[in-house]
Protein backbone atom coordinates (compact mmCIF):
# COMPACT_ATOMS: atom_id res chain seq x y z
CA UNK A 1 130.04 88.27 215.09
CA UNK A 2 129.29 85.82 217.36
CA UNK A 3 127.48 87.38 220.58
CA UNK A 4 127.30 84.08 222.71
CA UNK A 5 129.74 85.55 224.94
CA UNK A 6 127.46 88.77 225.59
CA UNK A 7 124.85 86.13 227.77
CA UNK A 8 126.11 86.44 231.32
CA UNK A 9 127.20 89.97 230.83
CA UNK A 10 124.46 91.37 233.32
CA UNK A 11 125.94 89.07 235.94
CA UNK A 12 129.21 90.24 235.13
CA UNK A 13 128.00 93.98 235.45
CA UNK A 14 126.62 93.04 238.93
CA UNK A 15 129.94 91.79 239.84
CA UNK A 16 131.74 94.94 238.68
CA UNK A 17 129.49 97.26 240.24
CA UNK A 18 129.59 95.65 243.51
CA UNK A 19 133.43 95.68 243.29
CA UNK A 20 133.74 99.10 242.84
CA UNK A 21 132.00 99.99 245.89
CA UNK A 22 135.51 98.58 248.05
CA UNK A 23 136.87 101.65 248.60
CA UNK A 24 140.11 100.18 250.38
CA UNK A 25 142.03 100.73 252.85
CA UNK A 26 142.68 104.30 254.43
CA UNK A 27 145.08 106.59 252.36
CA UNK A 28 148.41 108.06 253.69
CA UNK A 29 148.90 111.06 252.02
CA UNK A 30 152.47 111.06 251.87
CA UNK A 31 152.73 107.92 250.36
CA UNK A 32 150.01 109.12 247.77
CA UNK A 33 152.27 112.23 247.09
CA UNK A 34 155.42 110.06 246.73
CA UNK A 35 153.27 107.75 244.35
CA UNK A 36 152.25 110.83 242.37
CA UNK A 37 155.57 112.21 241.88
CA UNK A 38 157.13 108.88 241.14
CA UNK A 39 154.30 108.21 238.44
CA UNK A 40 154.71 111.46 236.80
CA UNK A 41 158.72 110.90 236.56
CA UNK A 42 157.64 107.49 234.97
CA UNK A 43 155.47 109.09 232.46
CA UNK A 44 157.91 111.79 231.12
CA UNK A 45 160.53 109.29 230.63
CA UNK A 46 158.40 106.83 229.35
CA UNK A 47 156.82 109.37 226.58
CA UNK A 48 160.05 109.20 224.73
CA UNK A 49 160.31 105.39 224.90
CA UNK A 50 160.47 103.68 221.33
CA UNK A 51 156.98 103.43 219.67
CA UNK A 52 155.11 104.98 222.46
CA UNK A 53 152.30 107.62 221.62
CA UNK A 54 150.28 110.03 223.95
CA UNK A 55 146.53 110.46 223.41
CA UNK A 56 145.23 114.08 223.97
CA UNK A 57 143.99 113.14 227.40
CA UNK A 58 147.61 112.20 228.46
CA UNK A 59 146.88 108.20 228.41
CA UNK A 60 150.32 106.65 226.92
CA UNK A 61 150.09 103.52 224.51
CA UNK A 62 152.35 101.46 222.63
CA UNK A 63 151.02 99.08 219.64
CA UNK A 64 151.88 95.77 220.53
CA UNK A 65 149.57 94.23 217.46
CA UNK A 66 147.22 95.92 215.04
CA UNK A 67 143.88 94.18 214.21
CA UNK A 68 142.72 93.72 210.71
CA UNK A 69 142.20 96.93 208.51
CA UNK A 70 138.86 98.63 208.70
CA UNK A 71 138.02 97.49 212.12
CA UNK A 72 135.44 98.85 214.64
CA UNK A 73 135.81 100.79 217.41
CA UNK A 74 133.34 100.42 220.28
CA UNK A 75 131.50 103.48 221.56
CA UNK A 76 129.79 104.60 224.71
CA UNK A 77 127.02 101.71 224.92
CA UNK A 78 128.59 98.68 223.37
CA UNK A 79 129.41 95.59 225.12
CA UNK A 80 133.40 94.79 225.02
CA UNK A 81 135.18 91.90 225.31
CA UNK A 82 138.73 91.95 226.22
CA UNK A 83 141.79 90.29 227.85
CA UNK A 84 143.74 92.44 229.58
CA UNK A 85 146.44 92.33 232.35
CA UNK A 86 146.86 95.05 235.18
CA UNK A 87 150.26 96.30 236.58
CA UNK A 88 152.02 98.96 238.47
CA UNK A 89 155.15 100.41 237.46
CA UNK A 90 157.10 98.23 239.29
CA UNK A 91 155.85 95.24 237.34
CA UNK A 92 153.63 93.81 240.16
CA UNK A 93 150.25 92.32 238.53
CA UNK A 94 147.23 93.47 240.39
CA UNK A 95 144.66 91.69 238.33
CA UNK A 96 144.63 89.61 234.92
CA UNK A 97 141.81 88.20 232.81
CA UNK A 98 144.52 85.74 231.49
CA UNK A 99 145.25 84.58 234.82
CA UNK A 100 141.34 83.88 235.28
CA UNK A 101 141.49 82.27 231.99
CA UNK A 102 138.41 83.90 230.72
CA UNK A 103 138.11 87.53 228.92
CA UNK A 104 136.09 90.43 230.58
CA UNK A 105 133.01 91.32 229.51
CA UNK A 106 131.81 94.92 230.15
CA UNK A 107 130.77 98.29 229.24
CA UNK A 108 133.19 101.66 228.74
CA UNK A 109 130.85 102.98 231.75
CA UNK A 110 132.03 100.14 234.22
CA UNK A 111 136.16 100.95 233.75
CA UNK A 112 138.39 103.62 234.78
CA UNK A 113 138.57 106.70 232.38
CA UNK A 114 141.73 105.79 230.79
CA UNK A 115 140.23 102.47 229.47
CA UNK A 116 137.21 104.25 228.32
CA UNK A 117 139.26 106.79 226.14
CA UNK A 118 141.76 104.23 225.14
CA UNK A 119 139.49 101.23 224.01
CA UNK A 120 137.49 103.87 222.13
CA UNK A 121 140.67 104.66 219.84
CA UNK A 122 141.35 100.85 219.52
CA UNK A 123 139.98 98.80 217.27
CA UNK A 124 138.65 95.04 217.16
CA UNK A 125 141.87 92.94 217.27
CA UNK A 126 144.43 95.35 218.39
CA UNK A 127 146.42 94.86 221.25
CA UNK A 128 147.94 97.92 223.29
CA UNK A 129 150.01 98.42 225.87
CA UNK A 130 148.57 101.49 227.80
CA UNK A 131 149.98 103.62 230.47
CA UNK A 132 147.47 105.45 232.39
CA UNK A 133 148.14 108.91 234.51
CA UNK A 134 146.94 108.67 238.41
CA UNK A 135 143.86 110.78 237.38
CA UNK A 136 143.12 108.14 234.69
CA UNK A 137 143.12 105.52 236.84
CA UNK A 138 141.73 105.28 240.32
CA UNK A 139 143.33 108.43 241.41
CA UNK A 140 143.65 108.80 245.12
CA UNK A 141 141.65 105.72 245.81
CA UNK A 142 143.43 102.70 247.00
CA UNK A 143 143.07 98.98 247.29
CA UNK A 144 144.89 96.51 248.72
CA UNK A 145 146.80 95.90 245.76
CA UNK A 146 147.09 99.35 244.32
CA UNK A 147 148.32 102.21 246.12
CA UNK A 148 146.62 105.53 245.94
CA UNK A 149 147.80 108.07 242.77
CA UNK A 150 149.59 104.96 241.01
CA UNK A 151 150.13 104.88 236.98
CA UNK A 152 148.72 102.00 236.12
CA UNK A 153 150.01 99.89 233.02
CA UNK A 154 147.59 97.55 231.21
CA UNK A 155 148.22 94.98 228.25
CA UNK A 156 144.84 95.35 226.62
CA UNK A 157 143.59 93.42 223.66
CA UNK A 158 140.11 94.58 222.20
CA UNK A 159 138.56 90.96 221.37
CA UNK A 160 135.05 91.90 220.46
CA UNK A 161 132.32 94.40 220.42
CA UNK A 162 128.59 93.78 220.53
CA UNK A 163 126.72 96.95 219.40
CA UNK A 164 124.03 98.65 221.35
CA UNK A 165 121.78 101.14 220.06
CA UNK A 166 122.32 104.87 220.84
CA UNK A 167 125.78 104.86 222.01
CA UNK A 168 128.60 107.53 221.46
CA UNK A 169 131.77 108.52 222.43
CA UNK A 170 132.42 109.18 226.03
CA UNK A 171 134.53 111.82 227.12
CA UNK A 172 137.05 113.78 224.92
CA UNK A 173 138.21 112.04 221.56
CA UNK A 174 139.84 113.42 218.49
CA UNK A 175 140.10 112.32 215.04
CA UNK A 176 143.87 111.63 214.79
CA UNK A 177 144.25 109.98 218.31
């Protein structure tokens, strides 16, 4: 594995930590409740879409591309390199490593819980579309581009893993998930 991409990860971690401090605008509870209901309806309908599967924690996913057989999955301490595009259920994109022209490098404790869960089920080379219920994304928090209680949709490709000692799964994971 070429781990040259690991250099600079500490700086990226600092940027991610600072970005997490941004709490966003005040939340309108009526809008947040409407988003929650719309998201639940979307997920109920999406669950029966062709190729969509559901992980035990309620995250839905669709495999776009599978990596090589026998590939590795990250655990709680590993650095991962991913390409992704995040959007809302209306299709509006709020973040994209593709648009920035560079994959993201991060650990599983730096992302929303839905990413943490999904990535631990992915293998290097896998590309999935994941559908995160509001509680697996930002929940009641909002930002200028992400309203409170939004279902988040990510096209997520696991490019590489840099193993760190002493890791292990974060949160629930099953052998068949």
